[in-house]
Amino acid sequence: MRLRLLPLAALFWVAAPSPGLAQVGSGEEGLVPILIETELGSIEAVMDSARAPITVTNFLRYVDAGFYENSSFFRSVRMDNQPDDSIKIEVIQLTLAREKSREGFPPIPLERTSATGIQHLDGTLSMARAGPDTGTSSFSIVINDQPELDFGGMRNPDGQGFAAFGRVTSGMDVARAIQAGDVTDQRLNSPVRVLRIVRR
């Protein structure tokens, strides 16, 4: 499995309630809590398996098989490092460790935001992709609201958007610290290691 670098669109909500996903403990079915442990601190999130079942099922099989152990946030997309893009976004993107990058599961169909109703708001988790049905293991956390990553948005020229499937509930300070790291172009000079991602 090759890492797919999006056309600067690898994309991806914070703990405040939002229209696309309920808060943990609200009683809504289908929310799966996870913990992302990084060397800079922990990020807690919930996956919305009711609205994005294909993407969440895919993500959790990578989680349960331990694929995210020793992965890393390698990419930081900020307003100051997209000089050639007319449509700018802000995200951080994760990739698997090199020894696991050729393993994994087949790509999944794209669950468009027009079908799921999950928008790319601050803290959203979203699958990275190249073509419409190419998402595998790489995902991003959205920094600030990014409607150009939704269906109809033009960060990816095909206008299909990306598959949003969850949101951060705690730890956006960690995500922002990762985004603020030193970069060359959009690659972090010191990728931030992810020790593991597990269900909570």
N, C-alpha and C. Protein backbone atom coordinates (compact mmCIF):
# COMPACT_ATOMS: atom_id res chain seq x y z
N MET A 1 0.84 -1.19 0.00
CA MET A 1 0.00 0.00 0.00
C MET A 1 0.87 1.23 0.00
N ARG A 2 0.67 2.09 -0.95
CA ARG A 2 1.45 3.32 -1.03
C ARG A 2 0.71 4.46 -0.36
N LEU A 3 1.45 5.31 0.30
CA LEU A 3 0.89 6.54 0.85
C LEU A 3 0.46 7.42 -0.31
N ARG A 4 -0.76 7.92 -0.23
CA ARG A 4 -1.27 8.77 -1.29
C ARG A 4 -1.28 10.20 -0.79
N LEU A 5 -0.42 11.02 -1.35
CA LEU A 5 -0.42 12.44 -1.00
C LEU A 5 -1.46 13.14 -1.86
N LEU A 6 -2.44 13.74 -1.19
CA LEU A 6 -3.49 14.39 -1.93
C LEU A 6 -2.96 15.66 -2.59
N PRO A 7 -3.72 16.16 -3.54
CA PRO A 7 -3.32 17.42 -4.15
C PRO A 7 -3.48 18.52 -3.11
N LEU A 8 -2.74 18.39 -2.04
CA LEU A 8 -2.84 19.28 -0.90
C LEU A 8 -4.22 19.25 -0.34
N ALA A 9 -4.73 18.11 -0.27
CA ALA A 9 -6.08 17.99 0.21
C ALA A 9 -6.26 16.82 1.10
N ALA A 10 -5.42 16.48 1.86
CA ALA A 10 -5.59 15.32 2.68
C ALA A 10 -6.46 15.71 3.81
N LEU A 11 -7.32 15.60 3.90
CA LEU A 11 -8.04 16.25 4.91
C LEU A 11 -8.40 15.53 6.11
N PHE A 12 -9.58 16.37 6.43
CA PHE A 12 -10.54 16.18 7.50
C PHE A 12 -11.50 17.18 7.60
N TRP A 13 -13.87 18.46 13.73
CA TRP A 13 -14.83 19.00 14.58
C TRP A 13 -14.22 19.24 15.91
N VAL A 14 -14.34 20.39 17.15
CA VAL A 14 -13.81 20.25 18.46
C VAL A 14 -14.93 19.86 19.37
N ALA A 15 -14.74 19.86 20.65
CA ALA A 15 -15.68 19.26 21.58
C ALA A 15 -17.04 19.93 21.61
N ALA A 16 -17.21 21.12 21.08
CA ALA A 16 -18.52 21.77 21.06
C ALA A 16 -19.47 21.01 20.17
N PRO A 17 -20.79 21.00 20.50
CA PRO A 17 -21.74 20.29 19.67
C PRO A 17 -21.75 20.86 18.27
N SER A 18 -21.98 20.01 17.30
CA SER A 18 -22.05 20.46 15.92
C SER A 18 -23.12 19.67 15.21
N PRO A 19 -23.64 20.15 14.09
CA PRO A 19 -24.77 19.52 13.45
C PRO A 19 -24.50 18.12 12.93
N GLY A 20 -23.25 17.80 12.65
CA GLY A 20 -22.97 16.51 12.04
C GLY A 20 -22.77 15.37 13.00
N LEU A 21 -22.47 15.62 14.29
CA LEU A 21 -22.11 14.55 15.19
C LEU A 21 -22.42 14.96 16.62
N ALA A 22 -23.05 14.06 17.36
CA ALA A 22 -23.42 14.39 18.73
C ALA A 22 -22.25 14.24 19.68
N GLN A 23 -22.38 14.84 20.86
CA GLN A 23 -21.34 14.69 21.87
C GLN A 23 -21.41 13.31 22.49
N VAL A 24 -20.26 12.82 22.97
CA VAL A 24 -20.24 11.57 23.70
C VAL A 24 -21.13 11.71 24.93
N GLY A 25 -21.91 10.69 25.20
CA GLY A 25 -22.77 10.73 26.35
C GLY A 25 -24.13 11.35 26.05
N SER A 26 -24.37 11.74 24.81
CA SER A 26 -25.64 12.36 24.48
C SER A 26 -26.73 11.33 24.28
N GLY A 27 -26.33 10.04 24.20
CA GLY A 27 -27.31 8.98 24.00
C GLY A 27 -27.47 8.57 22.56
N GLU A 28 -26.82 9.27 21.64
CA GLU A 28 -26.94 8.91 20.24
C GLU A 28 -26.18 7.62 19.97
N GLU A 29 -26.80 6.73 19.21
CA GLU A 29 -26.18 5.45 18.89
C GLU A 29 -25.07 5.62 17.86
N GLY A 30 -24.13 4.70 17.88
CA GLY A 30 -23.14 4.63 16.82
C GLY A 30 -21.88 5.41 17.03
N LEU A 31 -21.68 6.04 18.18
CA LEU A 31 -20.46 6.78 18.43
C LEU A 31 -19.42 5.87 19.09
N VAL A 32 -18.24 5.79 18.48
CA VAL A 32 -17.18 4.91 18.96
C VAL A 32 -16.01 5.77 19.42
N PRO A 33 -15.71 5.81 20.71
CA PRO A 33 -14.60 6.64 21.20
C PRO A 33 -13.25 5.97 20.95
N ILE A 34 -12.25 6.79 20.61
CA ILE A 34 -10.89 6.31 20.42
C ILE A 34 -9.91 7.24 21.12
N LEU A 35 -8.69 6.75 21.31
CA LEU A 35 -7.61 7.52 21.90
C LEU A 35 -6.42 7.49 20.95
N ILE A 36 -5.91 8.66 20.60
CA ILE A 36 -4.71 8.78 19.77
C ILE A 36 -3.59 9.25 20.69
N GLU A 37 -2.63 8.40 20.98
CA GLU A 37 -1.53 8.75 21.86
C GLU A 37 -0.32 9.17 21.03
N THR A 38 0.07 10.43 21.14
CA THR A 38 1.23 10.94 20.41
C THR A 38 2.34 11.31 21.40
N GLU A 39 3.52 11.53 20.88
CA GLU A 39 4.62 11.91 21.75
C GLU A 39 4.45 13.32 22.31
N LEU A 40 3.50 14.10 21.79
CA LEU A 40 3.22 15.43 22.31
C LEU A 40 2.02 15.47 23.23
N GLY A 41 1.33 14.33 23.39
CA GLY A 41 0.14 14.28 24.22
C GLY A 41 -0.97 13.50 23.54
N SER A 42 -2.09 13.36 24.21
CA SER A 42 -3.19 12.52 23.72
C SER A 42 -4.31 13.34 23.09
N ILE A 43 -4.92 12.74 22.09
CA ILE A 43 -6.08 13.30 21.42
C ILE A 43 -7.21 12.29 21.55
N GLU A 44 -8.35 12.70 22.07
CA GLU A 44 -9.52 11.84 22.17
C GLU A 44 -10.51 12.22 21.07
N ALA A 45 -11.19 11.23 20.54
CA ALA A 45 -12.12 11.49 19.44
C ALA A 45 -13.24 10.47 19.47
N VAL A 46 -14.31 10.75 18.74
CA VAL A 46 -15.38 9.78 18.53
C VAL A 46 -15.59 9.58 17.04
N MET A 47 -15.83 8.32 16.67
CA MET A 47 -16.15 7.95 15.29
C MET A 47 -17.66 7.81 15.17
N ASP A 48 -18.21 8.29 14.06
CA ASP A 48 -19.66 8.21 13.85
C ASP A 48 -19.99 7.04 12.92
N SER A 49 -20.15 5.86 13.51
CA SER A 49 -20.40 4.66 12.71
C SER A 49 -21.81 4.61 12.15
N ALA A 50 -22.72 5.42 12.71
CA ALA A 50 -24.09 5.45 12.18
C ALA A 50 -24.15 6.21 10.86
N ARG A 51 -23.41 7.32 10.76
CA ARG A 51 -23.48 8.15 9.56
C ARG A 51 -22.42 7.79 8.53
N ALA A 52 -21.30 7.29 8.98
CA ALA A 52 -20.21 6.94 8.06
C ALA A 52 -19.75 5.51 8.32
N PRO A 53 -20.62 4.52 8.13
CA PRO A 53 -20.31 3.14 8.53
C PRO A 53 -19.15 2.52 7.77
N ILE A 54 -19.03 2.81 6.47
CA ILE A 54 -17.96 2.20 5.69
C ILE A 54 -16.60 2.72 6.14
N THR A 55 -16.51 4.03 6.29
CA THR A 55 -15.24 4.64 6.68
C THR A 55 -14.84 4.26 8.09
N VAL A 56 -15.79 4.26 9.02
CA VAL A 56 -15.49 3.90 10.41
C VAL A 56 -15.09 2.43 10.52
N THR A 57 -15.80 1.55 9.83
CA THR A 57 -15.44 0.13 9.85
C THR A 57 -14.02 -0.07 9.34
N ASN A 58 -13.69 0.62 8.25
CA ASN A 58 -12.34 0.53 7.70
C ASN A 58 -11.31 1.05 8.70
N PHE A 59 -11.55 2.22 9.26
CA PHE A 59 -10.62 2.81 10.21
C PHE A 59 -10.40 1.90 11.41
N LEU A 60 -11.48 1.34 11.95
CA LEU A 60 -11.36 0.52 13.15
C LEU A 60 -10.65 -0.81 12.89
N ARG A 61 -10.72 -1.32 11.67
CA ARG A 61 -9.97 -2.55 11.43
C ARG A 61 -8.47 -2.27 11.41
N TYR A 62 -8.07 -1.08 10.97
CA TYR A 62 -6.67 -0.70 11.09
C TYR A 62 -6.29 -0.50 12.56
N VAL A 63 -7.19 0.12 13.33
CA VAL A 63 -6.95 0.30 14.76
C VAL A 63 -6.79 -1.04 15.46
N ASP A 64 -7.75 -1.94 15.26
CA ASP A 64 -7.76 -3.21 15.97
C ASP A 64 -6.59 -4.11 15.58
N ALA A 65 -6.08 -3.95 14.37
CA ALA A 65 -4.94 -4.75 13.91
C ALA A 65 -3.60 -4.12 14.28
N GLY A 66 -3.62 -2.98 14.96
CA GLY A 66 -2.39 -2.36 15.42
C GLY A 66 -1.59 -1.61 14.36
N PHE A 67 -2.21 -1.30 13.24
CA PHE A 67 -1.48 -0.64 12.16
C PHE A 67 -0.99 0.76 12.54
N TYR A 68 -1.68 1.42 13.46
CA TYR A 68 -1.30 2.80 13.77
C TYR A 68 -0.20 2.90 14.84
N GLU A 69 0.26 1.78 15.36
CA GLU A 69 1.38 1.82 16.30
C GLU A 69 2.63 2.35 15.58
N ASN A 70 3.26 3.33 16.18
CA ASN A 70 4.47 3.95 15.62
C ASN A 70 4.24 4.57 14.25
N SER A 71 3.02 5.01 14.01
CA SER A 71 2.75 5.84 12.83
C SER A 71 3.17 7.27 13.16
N SER A 72 2.87 8.22 12.29
CA SER A 72 3.29 9.59 12.59
C SER A 72 2.43 10.61 11.84
N PHE A 73 2.30 11.77 12.47
CA PHE A 73 1.79 12.94 11.76
C PHE A 73 2.99 13.53 11.03
N PHE A 74 2.95 13.45 9.70
CA PHE A 74 4.10 13.85 8.90
C PHE A 74 3.88 15.13 8.12
N ARG A 75 2.66 15.60 8.07
CA ARG A 75 2.32 16.71 7.19
C ARG A 75 1.51 17.77 7.93
N SER A 76 1.88 19.02 7.74
CA SER A 76 1.16 20.15 8.32
C SER A 76 0.83 21.13 7.20
N VAL A 77 -0.45 21.32 6.96
CA VAL A 77 -0.90 22.26 5.92
C VAL A 77 -1.44 23.51 6.61
N ARG A 78 -0.79 24.63 6.34
CA ARG A 78 -1.12 25.89 7.00
C ARG A 78 -1.33 26.97 5.95
N MET A 79 -1.82 28.10 6.40
CA MET A 79 -2.08 29.19 5.46
C MET A 79 -0.79 29.71 4.84
N ASP A 80 0.35 29.49 5.49
CA ASP A 80 1.60 30.05 4.99
C ASP A 80 2.42 29.08 4.15
N ASN A 81 1.93 27.86 3.89
CA ASN A 81 2.75 26.94 3.10
C ASN A 81 2.00 26.32 1.92
N GLN A 82 1.11 27.11 1.35
CA GLN A 82 0.35 26.67 0.17
C GLN A 82 0.41 27.74 -0.93
N PRO A 83 1.58 28.17 -1.32
CA PRO A 83 1.68 29.32 -2.23
C PRO A 83 1.05 29.08 -3.60
N ASP A 84 0.96 27.83 -4.01
CA ASP A 84 0.44 27.55 -5.36
C ASP A 84 -1.02 27.14 -5.36
N ASP A 85 -1.69 27.21 -4.21
CA ASP A 85 -3.08 26.78 -4.12
C ASP A 85 -4.01 27.98 -3.98
N SER A 86 -4.98 28.07 -4.86
CA SER A 86 -5.95 29.16 -4.77
C SER A 86 -6.96 28.89 -3.66
N ILE A 87 -7.20 27.62 -3.35
CA ILE A 87 -8.09 27.24 -2.26
C ILE A 87 -7.24 26.64 -1.15
N LYS A 88 -7.14 27.34 -0.05
CA LYS A 88 -6.26 26.92 1.04
C LYS A 88 -7.05 26.23 2.14
N ILE A 89 -6.39 25.26 2.78
CA ILE A 89 -6.99 24.53 3.89
C ILE A 89 -5.97 24.45 5.03
N GLU A 90 -6.42 23.95 6.19
CA GLU A 90 -5.53 23.71 7.31
C GLU A 90 -5.83 22.33 7.89
N VAL A 91 -4.85 21.43 7.82
CA VAL A 91 -4.99 20.08 8.36
C VAL A 91 -3.62 19.57 8.81
N ILE A 92 -3.64 18.51 9.61
CA ILE A 92 -2.46 17.70 9.83
C ILE A 92 -2.80 16.29 9.35
N GLN A 93 -1.82 15.61 8.77
CA GLN A 93 -2.09 14.29 8.17
C GLN A 93 -1.16 13.23 8.75
N LEU A 94 -1.74 12.05 8.97
CA LEU A 94 -1.01 10.90 9.52
C LEU A 94 -0.73 9.87 8.44
N THR A 95 0.41 9.20 8.57
CA THR A 95 0.74 8.07 7.71
C THR A 95 1.24 6.92 8.56
N LEU A 96 1.12 5.70 8.05
CA LEU A 96 1.62 4.52 8.75
C LEU A 96 3.14 4.51 8.78
N ALA A 97 3.67 3.74 9.72
CA ALA A 97 5.11 3.50 9.74
C ALA A 97 5.51 2.79 8.45
N ARG A 98 6.75 3.05 8.01
CA ARG A 98 7.20 2.53 6.71
C ARG A 98 7.05 1.02 6.59
N GLU A 99 7.35 0.29 7.67
CA GLU A 99 7.30 -1.17 7.59
C GLU A 99 5.88 -1.70 7.43
N LYS A 100 4.89 -0.86 7.72
CA LYS A 100 3.49 -1.29 7.57
C LYS A 100 2.83 -0.67 6.35
N SER A 101 3.54 0.19 5.65
CA SER A 101 2.92 0.97 4.59
C SER A 101 2.54 0.13 3.38
N ARG A 102 3.15 -1.04 3.22
CA ARG A 102 2.80 -1.90 2.09
C ARG A 102 1.74 -2.94 2.46
N GLU A 103 1.34 -2.94 3.72
CA GLU A 103 0.32 -3.87 4.17
C GLU A 103 -1.01 -3.14 4.26
N GLY A 104 -2.03 -3.86 4.73
CA GLY A 104 -3.30 -3.19 4.93
C GLY A 104 -4.43 -3.81 4.17
N PHE A 105 -5.48 -3.05 4.00
CA PHE A 105 -6.72 -3.54 3.43
C PHE A 105 -7.04 -2.81 2.12
N PRO A 106 -7.92 -3.37 1.31
CA PRO A 106 -8.25 -2.72 0.03
C PRO A 106 -8.88 -1.34 0.23
N PRO A 107 -8.76 -0.46 -0.76
CA PRO A 107 -9.40 0.86 -0.68
C PRO A 107 -10.91 0.73 -0.53
N ILE A 108 -11.51 1.76 0.03
CA ILE A 108 -12.95 1.75 0.30
C ILE A 108 -13.68 2.80 -0.55
N PRO A 109 -14.98 2.60 -0.76
CA PRO A 109 -15.78 3.62 -1.45
C PRO A 109 -15.80 4.93 -0.65
N LEU A 110 -15.86 6.02 -1.37
CA LEU A 110 -15.91 7.34 -0.74
C LEU A 110 -17.31 7.61 -0.19
N GLU A 111 -17.40 7.86 1.12
CA GLU A 111 -18.67 8.28 1.72
C GLU A 111 -18.70 9.80 1.71
N ARG A 112 -19.41 10.36 0.76
CA ARG A 112 -19.44 11.80 0.56
C ARG A 112 -20.21 12.50 1.67
N THR A 113 -19.80 13.72 1.99
CA THR A 113 -20.48 14.46 3.04
C THR A 113 -21.93 14.78 2.66
N SER A 114 -22.23 14.79 1.38
CA SER A 114 -23.61 15.01 0.94
C SER A 114 -24.51 13.86 1.37
N ALA A 115 -23.95 12.69 1.60
CA ALA A 115 -24.72 11.53 2.05
C ALA A 115 -24.67 11.38 3.57
N THR A 116 -23.51 11.65 4.18
CA THR A 116 -23.38 11.44 5.63
C THR A 116 -23.87 12.63 6.45
N GLY A 117 -23.80 13.82 5.89
CA GLY A 117 -24.16 15.02 6.65
C GLY A 117 -23.10 15.46 7.64
N ILE A 118 -21.93 14.83 7.62
CA ILE A 118 -20.84 15.21 8.53
C ILE A 118 -19.95 16.23 7.84
N GLN A 119 -19.90 17.42 8.35
CA GLN A 119 -19.14 18.49 7.72
C GLN A 119 -17.70 18.52 8.23
N HIS A 120 -16.84 19.15 7.45
CA HIS A 120 -15.45 19.31 7.84
C HIS A 120 -15.30 20.57 8.69
N LEU A 121 -15.60 20.41 9.97
CA LEU A 121 -15.49 21.50 10.94
C LEU A 121 -14.21 21.32 11.75
N ASP A 122 -13.92 22.29 12.59
CA ASP A 122 -12.70 22.24 13.40
C ASP A 122 -12.64 20.95 14.20
N GLY A 123 -11.59 20.15 14.01
CA GLY A 123 -11.43 18.90 14.74
C GLY A 123 -11.97 17.67 14.05
N THR A 124 -12.50 17.81 12.85
CA THR A 124 -13.02 16.66 12.12
C THR A 124 -11.89 15.71 11.73
N LEU A 125 -12.17 14.41 11.82
CA LEU A 125 -11.28 13.40 11.26
C LEU A 125 -11.81 13.01 9.89
N SER A 126 -10.92 12.90 8.91
CA SER A 126 -11.34 12.62 7.55
C SER A 126 -10.28 11.79 6.84
N MET A 127 -10.74 10.88 5.99
CA MET A 127 -9.82 10.00 5.27
C MET A 127 -9.15 10.74 4.12
N ALA A 128 -7.85 10.54 4.00
CA ALA A 128 -7.12 11.07 2.86
C ALA A 128 -7.43 10.20 1.64
N ARG A 129 -7.29 10.79 0.46
CA ARG A 129 -7.56 10.02 -0.75
C ARG A 129 -6.89 10.68 -1.94
N ALA A 130 -6.81 9.93 -3.03
CA ALA A 130 -6.42 10.48 -4.32
C ALA A 130 -7.71 10.55 -5.15
N GLY A 131 -8.07 9.46 -5.84
CA GLY A 131 -9.34 9.40 -6.54
C GLY A 131 -10.49 9.17 -5.57
N PRO A 132 -11.73 9.16 -6.07
CA PRO A 132 -12.90 9.06 -5.21
C PRO A 132 -12.97 7.80 -4.34
N ASP A 133 -12.46 6.67 -4.78
CA ASP A 133 -12.60 5.42 -4.02
C ASP A 133 -11.23 4.83 -3.70
N THR A 134 -10.34 5.64 -3.15
CA THR A 134 -8.97 5.20 -2.93
C THR A 134 -8.52 5.30 -1.48
N GLY A 135 -9.41 5.67 -0.55
CA GLY A 135 -9.02 5.84 0.84
C GLY A 135 -8.63 4.51 1.47
N THR A 136 -7.57 4.53 2.29
CA THR A 136 -7.15 3.32 3.00
C THR A 136 -6.90 3.64 4.48
N SER A 137 -5.68 4.00 4.85
CA SER A 137 -5.34 4.18 6.26
C SER A 137 -4.98 5.61 6.65
N SER A 138 -4.49 6.40 5.71
CA SER A 138 -4.05 7.76 6.04
C SER A 138 -5.27 8.66 6.29
N PHE A 139 -5.18 9.47 7.35
CA PHE A 139 -6.29 10.38 7.64
C PHE A 139 -5.73 11.69 8.15
N SER A 140 -6.61 12.68 8.20
CA SER A 140 -6.23 14.00 8.66
C SER A 140 -7.14 14.48 9.77
N ILE A 141 -6.65 15.44 10.53
CA ILE A 141 -7.45 16.20 11.49
C ILE A 141 -7.54 17.62 10.97
N VAL A 142 -8.77 18.12 10.85
CA VAL A 142 -9.01 19.46 10.32
C VAL A 142 -8.74 20.52 11.38
N ILE A 143 -8.05 21.56 10.99
CA ILE A 143 -7.81 22.70 11.86
C ILE A 143 -8.67 23.86 11.35
N ASN A 144 -9.60 24.33 12.19
CA ASN A 144 -10.59 25.34 11.80
C ASN A 144 -11.55 24.74 10.78
N ASP A 145 -12.66 25.42 10.52
CA ASP A 145 -13.67 24.89 9.60
C ASP A 145 -13.14 24.94 8.17
N GLN A 146 -13.36 23.85 7.43
CA GLN A 146 -12.83 23.75 6.06
C GLN A 146 -13.91 23.24 5.10
N PRO A 147 -14.88 24.08 4.74
CA PRO A 147 -15.96 23.64 3.86
C PRO A 147 -15.51 23.21 2.47
N GLU A 148 -14.33 23.63 2.05
CA GLU A 148 -13.85 23.21 0.73
C GLU A 148 -13.47 21.73 0.69
N LEU A 149 -13.48 21.07 1.86
CA LEU A 149 -13.24 19.62 1.91
C LEU A 149 -14.54 18.83 1.84
N ASP A 150 -15.69 19.52 1.94
CA ASP A 150 -16.99 18.86 1.82
C ASP A 150 -17.32 18.59 0.36
N PHE A 151 -18.34 17.78 0.13
CA PHE A 151 -18.83 17.55 -1.23
C PHE A 151 -19.18 18.90 -1.87
N GLY A 152 -18.73 19.11 -3.07
CA GLY A 152 -18.94 20.38 -3.76
C GLY A 152 -17.82 21.36 -3.55
N GLY A 153 -16.98 21.13 -2.53
CA GLY A 153 -15.81 21.96 -2.32
C GLY A 153 -14.75 21.64 -3.36
N MET A 154 -13.87 22.58 -3.60
CA MET A 154 -12.93 22.41 -4.71
C MET A 154 -11.48 22.27 -4.28
N ARG A 155 -11.23 21.88 -3.04
CA ARG A 155 -9.84 21.61 -2.68
C ARG A 155 -9.30 20.46 -3.53
N ASN A 156 -10.12 19.42 -3.71
CA ASN A 156 -9.81 18.42 -4.73
C ASN A 156 -10.62 18.80 -5.97
N PRO A 157 -9.98 18.94 -7.12
CA PRO A 157 -10.69 19.45 -8.30
C PRO A 157 -11.88 18.62 -8.74
N ASP A 158 -11.98 17.35 -8.29
CA ASP A 158 -13.14 16.55 -8.72
C ASP A 158 -14.42 16.95 -8.00
N GLY A 159 -14.34 17.78 -6.95
CA GLY A 159 -15.52 18.29 -6.27
C GLY A 159 -16.27 17.28 -5.43
N GLN A 160 -15.69 16.09 -5.25
CA GLN A 160 -16.38 15.04 -4.49
C GLN A 160 -16.13 15.14 -2.99
N GLY A 161 -15.19 15.96 -2.61
CA GLY A 161 -14.90 16.13 -1.19
C GLY A 161 -14.22 14.90 -0.60
N PHE A 162 -14.19 14.86 0.73
CA PHE A 162 -13.53 13.79 1.46
C PHE A 162 -14.50 13.16 2.45
N ALA A 163 -14.14 11.98 2.94
CA ALA A 163 -15.01 11.24 3.85
C ALA A 163 -14.74 11.62 5.30
N ALA A 164 -15.52 12.53 5.84
CA ALA A 164 -15.44 12.87 7.26
C ALA A 164 -16.11 11.75 8.06
N PHE A 165 -15.48 11.35 9.17
CA PHE A 165 -16.04 10.20 9.88
C PHE A 165 -15.98 10.31 11.39
N GLY A 166 -15.51 11.43 11.92
CA GLY A 166 -15.45 11.59 13.36
C GLY A 166 -14.99 12.97 13.74
N ARG A 167 -14.81 13.19 15.06
CA ARG A 167 -14.35 14.50 15.51
C ARG A 167 -13.58 14.37 16.81
N VAL A 168 -12.67 15.28 17.00
CA VAL A 168 -11.91 15.37 18.24
C VAL A 168 -12.82 15.89 19.35
N THR A 169 -12.76 15.25 20.52
CA THR A 169 -13.51 15.71 21.69
C THR A 169 -12.60 16.32 22.74
N SER A 170 -11.30 15.99 22.68
CA SER A 170 -10.32 16.54 23.61
C SER A 170 -8.94 16.43 22.97
N GLY A 171 -8.14 17.48 23.12
CA GLY A 171 -6.78 17.41 22.62
C GLY A 171 -6.51 18.22 21.37
N MET A 172 -7.38 19.16 21.04
CA MET A 172 -7.09 20.00 19.88
C MET A 172 -5.86 20.86 20.11
N ASP A 173 -5.48 21.08 21.38
CA ASP A 173 -4.24 21.80 21.64
C ASP A 173 -3.04 21.00 21.14
N VAL A 174 -3.13 19.68 21.23
CA VAL A 174 -2.07 18.82 20.72
C VAL A 174 -2.04 18.89 19.20
N ALA A 175 -3.22 18.82 18.58
CA ALA A 175 -3.30 18.90 17.12
C ALA A 175 -2.72 20.22 16.62
N ARG A 176 -3.02 21.31 17.30
CA ARG A 176 -2.51 22.62 16.87
C ARG A 176 -1.00 22.72 17.09
N ALA A 177 -0.51 22.07 18.14
CA ALA A 177 0.94 22.07 18.37
C ALA A 177 1.65 21.30 17.25
N ILE A 178 1.05 20.21 16.81
CA ILE A 178 1.62 19.46 15.69
C ILE A 178 1.64 20.33 14.44
N GLN A 179 0.53 21.02 14.19
CA GLN A 179 0.45 21.87 13.00
C GLN A 179 1.51 22.97 13.02
N ALA A 180 1.88 23.43 14.19
CA ALA A 180 2.81 24.55 14.32
C ALA A 180 4.28 24.13 14.19
N GLY A 181 4.55 22.85 13.97
CA GLY A 181 5.92 22.39 13.88
C GLY A 181 6.65 22.94 12.66
N ASP A 182 7.98 22.89 12.70
CA ASP A 182 8.78 23.34 11.57
C ASP A 182 8.55 22.45 10.37
N VAL A 183 8.42 23.07 9.20
CA VAL A 183 8.14 22.31 7.99
C VAL A 183 9.10 22.71 6.87
N THR A 184 9.26 21.79 5.95
CA THR A 184 9.83 22.08 4.65
C THR A 184 8.73 21.82 3.65
N ASP A 185 8.30 22.86 2.98
CA ASP A 185 7.06 22.80 2.21
C ASP A 185 5.94 22.42 3.19
N GLN A 186 5.36 21.24 3.06
CA GLN A 186 4.32 20.83 4.00
C GLN A 186 4.73 19.63 4.85
N ARG A 187 5.93 19.16 4.69
CA ARG A 187 6.39 18.01 5.48
C ARG A 187 7.04 18.49 6.77
N LEU A 188 6.59 17.92 7.88
CA LEU A 188 7.19 18.26 9.16
C LEU A 188 8.64 17.80 9.19
N ASN A 189 9.54 18.69 9.57
CA ASN A 189 10.95 18.32 9.65
C ASN A 189 11.18 17.26 10.72
N SER A 190 10.37 17.28 11.77
CA SER A 190 10.39 16.24 12.80
C SER A 190 8.98 15.68 12.93
N PRO A 191 8.64 14.65 12.15
CA PRO A 191 7.30 14.06 12.24
C PRO A 191 6.98 13.69 13.69
N VAL A 192 5.72 13.86 14.06
CA VAL A 192 5.30 13.59 15.44
C VAL A 192 4.82 12.14 15.53
N ARG A 193 5.54 11.37 16.33
CA ARG A 193 5.25 9.94 16.41
C ARG A 193 3.93 9.69 17.14
N VAL A 194 3.15 8.78 16.59
CA VAL A 194 1.92 8.30 17.22
C VAL A 194 2.24 6.93 17.81
N LEU A 195 2.19 6.83 19.13
CA LEU A 195 2.52 5.57 19.78
C LEU A 195 1.50 4.49 19.45
N ARG A 196 0.23 4.89 19.49
CA ARG A 196 -0.84 3.93 19.19
C ARG A 196 -2.15 4.68 19.07
N ILE A 197 -3.11 4.02 18.41
CA ILE A 197 -4.50 4.46 18.39
C ILE A 197 -5.33 3.27 18.87
N VAL A 198 -6.17 3.47 19.88
CA VAL A 198 -6.96 2.37 20.45
C VAL A 198 -8.39 2.82 20.70
N ARG A 199 -9.28 1.84 20.78
CA ARG A 199 -10.64 2.14 21.22
C ARG A 199 -10.60 2.47 22.71
N ARG A 200 -11.54 3.29 23.15
CA ARG A 200 -11.64 3.64 24.58
C ARG A 200 -12.85 2.96 25.19
